[in-house]
Amino acid sequence: MGLQVKKKCCGKCLFGSNKIVSDARKANILIGCARKDTHFICHEATIEKKEVVCAAFYNTRTSQMIRISQRLGAIEFVD
C-alpha cells in the first residue's frame, strides 16, 4: 500500500466553495503544510480515522511524501 489520495474532492473540500473553514483558516492550513513540507489530509478521511491526501491538494500542491511516493510509483487513489 502506498500513499493514499482521494480520487475526487469531497463536498466540503478545503479548496471548494463549500469548505468548512474560513478563507483565513484555509490560508493558515496551507502555509503550515508548505512550512512543514507536508500534505493536507481530507477531512472525510479523518472522520474515518484514515490518512488520505486531499484530491485538490494533490492536484494543486505537493509535499515531500507526495514527491517520494510519485517517484516510487506508490500513489494509491481511493474513494
N, C-alpha and C. Protein backbone atom coordinates (compact mmCIF):
# COMPACT_ATOMS: atom_id res chain seq x y z
N MET A 1 0.85 -1.18 0.00
CA MET A 1 0.00 0.00 0.00
C MET A 1 0.89 1.24 0.00
N GLY A 2 0.55 2.19 -0.84
CA GLY A 2 1.31 3.43 -0.93
C GLY A 2 0.59 4.58 -0.26
N LEU A 3 0.95 5.76 -0.67
CA LEU A 3 0.29 6.96 -0.16
C LEU A 3 -1.11 7.04 -0.77
N GLN A 4 -2.11 7.09 0.07
CA GLN A 4 -3.48 7.14 -0.42
C GLN A 4 -3.89 8.59 -0.70
N VAL A 5 -4.55 8.76 -1.85
CA VAL A 5 -5.03 10.07 -2.30
C VAL A 5 -6.48 9.89 -2.73
N LYS A 6 -7.35 10.81 -2.31
CA LYS A 6 -8.76 10.75 -2.73
C LYS A 6 -8.84 10.87 -4.25
N LYS A 7 -9.72 10.10 -4.87
CA LYS A 7 -9.92 10.17 -6.31
C LYS A 7 -10.57 11.49 -6.71
N LYS A 8 -11.49 11.98 -5.86
CA LYS A 8 -12.16 13.24 -6.15
C LYS A 8 -12.42 13.99 -4.85
N CYS A 9 -12.67 15.27 -5.00
CA CYS A 9 -12.90 16.13 -3.83
C CYS A 9 -14.22 15.79 -3.16
N CYS A 10 -14.24 15.94 -1.87
CA CYS A 10 -15.47 15.76 -1.12
C CYS A 10 -16.32 17.03 -1.22
N GLY A 11 -17.50 16.99 -0.72
CA GLY A 11 -18.42 18.12 -0.80
C GLY A 11 -18.03 19.32 0.05
N LYS A 12 -17.14 19.13 0.98
CA LYS A 12 -16.72 20.23 1.86
C LYS A 12 -15.22 20.45 1.79
N CYS A 13 -14.67 20.21 0.62
CA CYS A 13 -13.23 20.29 0.39
C CYS A 13 -12.67 21.67 0.75
N LEU A 14 -11.49 21.68 1.32
CA LEU A 14 -10.79 22.92 1.66
C LEU A 14 -10.64 23.83 0.45
N PHE A 15 -10.60 23.26 -0.72
CA PHE A 15 -10.40 24.02 -1.95
C PHE A 15 -11.70 24.35 -2.67
N GLY A 16 -12.83 23.92 -2.14
CA GLY A 16 -14.12 24.15 -2.78
C GLY A 16 -14.88 25.32 -2.17
N SER A 17 -16.01 25.62 -2.78
CA SER A 17 -16.82 26.75 -2.30
C SER A 17 -17.59 26.41 -1.03
N ASN A 18 -17.75 25.14 -0.72
CA ASN A 18 -18.48 24.72 0.49
C ASN A 18 -17.55 24.29 1.62
N LYS A 19 -16.32 24.81 1.63
CA LYS A 19 -15.36 24.41 2.66
C LYS A 19 -15.90 24.75 4.05
N ILE A 20 -15.45 24.01 5.03
CA ILE A 20 -15.97 24.16 6.39
C ILE A 20 -15.14 25.10 7.24
N VAL A 21 -14.15 25.76 6.64
CA VAL A 21 -13.31 26.72 7.36
C VAL A 21 -13.32 28.06 6.62
N SER A 22 -12.92 29.09 7.30
CA SER A 22 -12.84 30.41 6.69
C SER A 22 -11.66 30.48 5.72
N ASP A 23 -11.66 31.51 4.88
CA ASP A 23 -10.54 31.72 3.97
C ASP A 23 -9.24 31.93 4.73
N ALA A 24 -9.32 32.63 5.87
CA ALA A 24 -8.13 32.87 6.68
C ALA A 24 -7.58 31.55 7.23
N ARG A 25 -8.46 30.68 7.72
CA ARG A 25 -8.03 29.38 8.24
C ARG A 25 -7.45 28.52 7.12
N LYS A 26 -8.07 28.56 5.95
CA LYS A 26 -7.55 27.82 4.80
C LYS A 26 -6.11 28.27 4.50
N ALA A 27 -5.91 29.58 4.47
CA ALA A 27 -4.57 30.12 4.20
C ALA A 27 -3.57 29.64 5.25
N ASN A 28 -3.96 29.65 6.52
CA ASN A 28 -3.08 29.19 7.59
C ASN A 28 -2.74 27.70 7.45
N ILE A 29 -3.73 26.91 7.08
CA ILE A 29 -3.51 25.47 6.88
C ILE A 29 -2.49 25.26 5.77
N LEU A 30 -2.67 25.95 4.66
CA LEU A 30 -1.77 25.77 3.52
C LEU A 30 -0.37 26.31 3.79
N ILE A 31 -0.28 27.39 4.55
CA ILE A 31 1.04 27.91 4.95
C ILE A 31 1.74 26.87 5.84
N GLY A 32 1.00 26.29 6.76
CA GLY A 32 1.57 25.26 7.62
C GLY A 32 2.04 24.04 6.84
N CYS A 33 1.27 23.63 5.87
CA CYS A 33 1.68 22.50 5.01
C CYS A 33 2.96 22.83 4.27
N ALA A 34 3.05 24.04 3.73
CA ALA A 34 4.25 24.45 2.99
C ALA A 34 5.47 24.51 3.91
N ARG A 35 5.30 25.08 5.08
CA ARG A 35 6.42 25.19 6.03
C ARG A 35 6.94 23.83 6.48
N LYS A 36 6.02 22.90 6.68
CA LYS A 36 6.39 21.57 7.15
C LYS A 36 6.67 20.61 6.00
N ASP A 37 6.47 21.07 4.76
CA ASP A 37 6.62 20.26 3.55
C ASP A 37 5.80 18.98 3.67
N THR A 38 4.55 19.17 4.07
CA THR A 38 3.64 18.05 4.25
C THR A 38 2.37 18.29 3.43
N HIS A 39 1.46 17.38 3.51
CA HIS A 39 0.23 17.48 2.71
C HIS A 39 -0.99 17.62 3.62
N PHE A 40 -2.11 17.97 3.00
CA PHE A 40 -3.37 18.15 3.72
C PHE A 40 -4.17 16.86 3.63
N ILE A 41 -4.65 16.40 4.77
CA ILE A 41 -5.47 15.20 4.85
C ILE A 41 -6.94 15.58 4.69
N CYS A 42 -7.64 14.86 3.83
CA CYS A 42 -9.07 15.10 3.60
C CYS A 42 -9.83 14.95 4.91
N HIS A 43 -10.72 15.91 5.19
CA HIS A 43 -11.46 15.85 6.46
C HIS A 43 -12.38 14.64 6.51
N GLU A 44 -12.90 14.19 5.36
CA GLU A 44 -13.74 12.98 5.34
C GLU A 44 -12.94 11.78 5.84
N ALA A 45 -11.70 11.71 5.43
CA ALA A 45 -10.84 10.60 5.85
C ALA A 45 -10.58 10.66 7.36
N THR A 46 -10.39 11.85 7.90
CA THR A 46 -10.12 11.96 9.33
C THR A 46 -11.31 11.48 10.16
N ILE A 47 -12.51 11.69 9.65
CA ILE A 47 -13.71 11.21 10.33
C ILE A 47 -13.66 9.69 10.45
N GLU A 48 -13.11 9.04 9.41
CA GLU A 48 -12.98 7.58 9.40
C GLU A 48 -11.66 7.11 10.00
N LYS A 49 -10.91 8.05 10.60
CA LYS A 49 -9.61 7.77 11.22
C LYS A 49 -8.61 7.20 10.21
N LYS A 50 -8.64 7.78 9.00
CA LYS A 50 -7.71 7.40 7.94
C LYS A 50 -6.89 8.62 7.54
N GLU A 51 -5.76 8.37 6.95
CA GLU A 51 -4.92 9.46 6.44
C GLU A 51 -4.89 9.36 4.92
N VAL A 52 -5.74 10.15 4.28
CA VAL A 52 -5.85 10.17 2.83
C VAL A 52 -5.66 11.60 2.36
N VAL A 53 -4.73 11.79 1.45
CA VAL A 53 -4.43 13.13 0.95
C VAL A 53 -5.63 13.69 0.19
N CYS A 54 -5.93 14.93 0.43
CA CYS A 54 -7.00 15.64 -0.27
C CYS A 54 -6.71 15.65 -1.77
N ALA A 55 -7.71 15.33 -2.58
CA ALA A 55 -7.54 15.30 -4.04
C ALA A 55 -7.13 16.64 -4.60
N ALA A 56 -7.75 17.71 -4.14
CA ALA A 56 -7.42 19.04 -4.65
C ALA A 56 -6.02 19.45 -4.23
N PHE A 57 -5.61 19.10 -3.02
CA PHE A 57 -4.25 19.40 -2.60
C PHE A 57 -3.27 18.68 -3.52
N TYR A 58 -3.51 17.42 -3.75
CA TYR A 58 -2.63 16.62 -4.61
C TYR A 58 -2.53 17.22 -6.02
N ASN A 59 -3.64 17.72 -6.52
CA ASN A 59 -3.68 18.27 -7.88
C ASN A 59 -3.11 19.67 -8.00
N THR A 60 -2.95 20.38 -6.89
CA THR A 60 -2.51 21.78 -6.98
C THR A 60 -1.24 22.08 -6.19
N ARG A 61 -0.84 21.20 -5.30
CA ARG A 61 0.31 21.43 -4.43
C ARG A 61 1.16 20.16 -4.39
N THR A 62 2.18 20.18 -3.57
CA THR A 62 2.99 18.98 -3.40
C THR A 62 3.57 18.96 -1.99
N SER A 63 4.19 17.86 -1.65
CA SER A 63 4.86 17.71 -0.36
C SER A 63 5.98 16.70 -0.55
N GLN A 64 6.84 16.60 0.44
CA GLN A 64 7.93 15.64 0.35
C GLN A 64 7.39 14.22 0.16
N MET A 65 6.39 13.85 0.93
CA MET A 65 5.84 12.50 0.84
C MET A 65 5.18 12.26 -0.52
N ILE A 66 4.50 13.25 -1.05
CA ILE A 66 3.90 13.10 -2.38
C ILE A 66 4.99 12.90 -3.43
N ARG A 67 6.04 13.71 -3.39
CA ARG A 67 7.12 13.58 -4.38
C ARG A 67 7.80 12.22 -4.29
N ILE A 68 8.08 11.77 -3.08
CA ILE A 68 8.71 10.45 -2.90
C ILE A 68 7.79 9.35 -3.42
N SER A 69 6.53 9.42 -3.05
CA SER A 69 5.56 8.40 -3.46
C SER A 69 5.39 8.38 -4.97
N GLN A 70 5.39 9.54 -5.60
CA GLN A 70 5.29 9.59 -7.05
C GLN A 70 6.51 8.92 -7.70
N ARG A 71 7.69 9.23 -7.20
CA ARG A 71 8.92 8.63 -7.77
C ARG A 71 8.92 7.11 -7.62
N LEU A 72 8.35 6.62 -6.54
CA LEU A 72 8.31 5.19 -6.29
C LEU A 72 7.10 4.50 -6.95
N GLY A 73 6.24 5.29 -7.58
CA GLY A 73 5.02 4.71 -8.16
C GLY A 73 4.10 4.18 -7.09
N ALA A 74 4.08 4.85 -5.94
CA ALA A 74 3.36 4.34 -4.77
C ALA A 74 2.17 5.21 -4.39
N ILE A 75 1.53 5.82 -5.37
CA ILE A 75 0.30 6.59 -5.12
C ILE A 75 -0.88 5.66 -5.35
N GLU A 76 -1.77 5.60 -4.38
CA GLU A 76 -2.97 4.79 -4.48
C GLU A 76 -4.18 5.71 -4.39
N PHE A 77 -4.95 5.80 -5.46
CA PHE A 77 -6.14 6.65 -5.48
C PHE A 77 -7.32 5.86 -4.92
N VAL A 78 -8.01 6.46 -3.94
CA VAL A 78 -9.09 5.78 -3.25
C VAL A 78 -10.36 6.64 -3.24
N ASP A 79 -11.49 5.95 -3.06
CA ASP A 79 -12.79 6.66 -2.96
C ASP A 79 -12.97 7.27 -1.61
